[in-house]
Structures are given as structure tokens and as C-alpha cells.
Protein backbone atom coordinates (compact mmCIF):
# COMPACT_ATOMS: atom_id res chain seq x y z
CA MET A 1 49.35 257.66 100.58
CA ARG A 2 46.88 259.63 98.47
CA LEU A 3 43.44 258.30 97.85
CA THR A 4 44.06 258.49 94.11
CA GLU A 5 47.20 256.28 94.46
CA PHE A 6 45.25 253.86 96.66
CA GLN A 7 42.43 253.49 94.07
CA GLU A 8 44.93 252.93 91.32
CA LEU A 9 46.69 250.20 93.29
CA MET A 10 43.40 248.61 94.11
CA HIS A 11 42.15 248.68 90.47
CA THR A 12 45.46 247.30 89.17
CA GLU A 13 45.65 244.50 91.75
CA PHE A 14 42.07 243.45 91.95
CA GLY A 15 40.36 244.82 88.85
CA VAL A 16 37.99 247.73 88.92
CA ALA A 17 34.76 245.87 89.79
CA ARG A 18 36.29 243.61 92.37
CA ALA A 19 38.26 246.39 93.96
CA ASP A 20 35.27 248.64 94.32
CA ALA A 21 33.20 245.76 95.82
CA LEU A 22 36.01 244.91 98.29
CA LEU A 23 36.39 248.42 99.33
CA ALA A 24 32.62 248.94 99.87
CA ASP A 25 31.47 245.48 101.17
CA HIS A 26 34.39 243.42 102.60
CA MET A 27 34.86 243.56 106.31
CA ILE A 28 38.63 243.79 106.95
CA PRO A 29 39.25 241.91 110.26
CA ALA A 30 42.47 243.82 110.96
CA LEU A 31 40.56 247.12 110.87
CA GLY A 32 37.26 246.00 112.19
CA ARG A 33 35.31 247.65 109.30
CA THR A 34 35.12 247.93 105.61
CA GLY A 35 37.90 249.70 103.74
CA ALA A 36 35.53 252.52 102.71
CA ASN A 37 34.39 253.01 106.33
CA ALA A 38 37.97 252.92 107.55
CA ILE A 39 39.08 255.63 105.07
CA GLU A 40 36.02 257.66 105.89
CA ALA A 41 36.94 257.44 109.58
CA GLY A 42 40.41 258.80 108.94
CA VAL A 43 42.50 255.64 108.57
CA ASP A 44 45.35 256.18 106.17
CA PRO A 45 44.58 254.45 102.82
CA ARG A 46 48.16 252.90 103.06
CA ASP A 47 46.93 250.97 106.13
CA VAL A 48 43.80 249.83 104.29
CA TRP A 49 45.93 248.74 101.33
CA ARG A 50 48.39 246.80 103.52
CA ALA A 51 45.51 245.12 105.47
CA LEU A 52 43.83 244.00 102.25
CA CYS A 53 47.08 242.82 100.74
CA ALA A 54 47.83 240.76 103.75
CA GLU A 55 44.37 239.22 103.78
CA PHE A 56 44.38 238.39 100.08
CA ASP A 57 47.99 237.13 99.93
CA VAL A 58 49.21 239.78 97.60
CA PRO A 59 53.02 239.35 97.31
CA ARG A 60 54.84 241.75 99.59
CA SER A 61 56.76 243.15 96.63
CA ARG A 62 53.41 244.82 95.53
CA TRP A 63 52.56 246.34 98.90
């Protein structure tokens, strides 16, 4: 997944402000780090998206 697609999905699902805050500040237990740190470390944005969706009960049809 491209980073731009990931950002679009995040902003659509969570809203711009909340999505940006989640990415920067929220520790994702499945990844052991924040989404921003995971992506910076080379984790595929798709894996970050799926981890956030699972944690925040986003319906699977939108994953």
C-alpha cells in the first residue's frame, strides 16, 4: 500500500485530526510502537492500517 493511500484511508475513517494524532501518538500493541514509528522503521502501511482497524473495531469491509 502506498503511503498516500494509507493517509487517505486514515483521514476518511478517523478524520484528519484524530488520524494524525493516532498515527503519531497511539501505541499499537500488535506492532509494539506507534504507527508513525512503524512506518518509519519499514513496516508496510497496510499492516499499520490493519492493526489500527482491528484495534478500533473498524468493520472488516473497510480494511
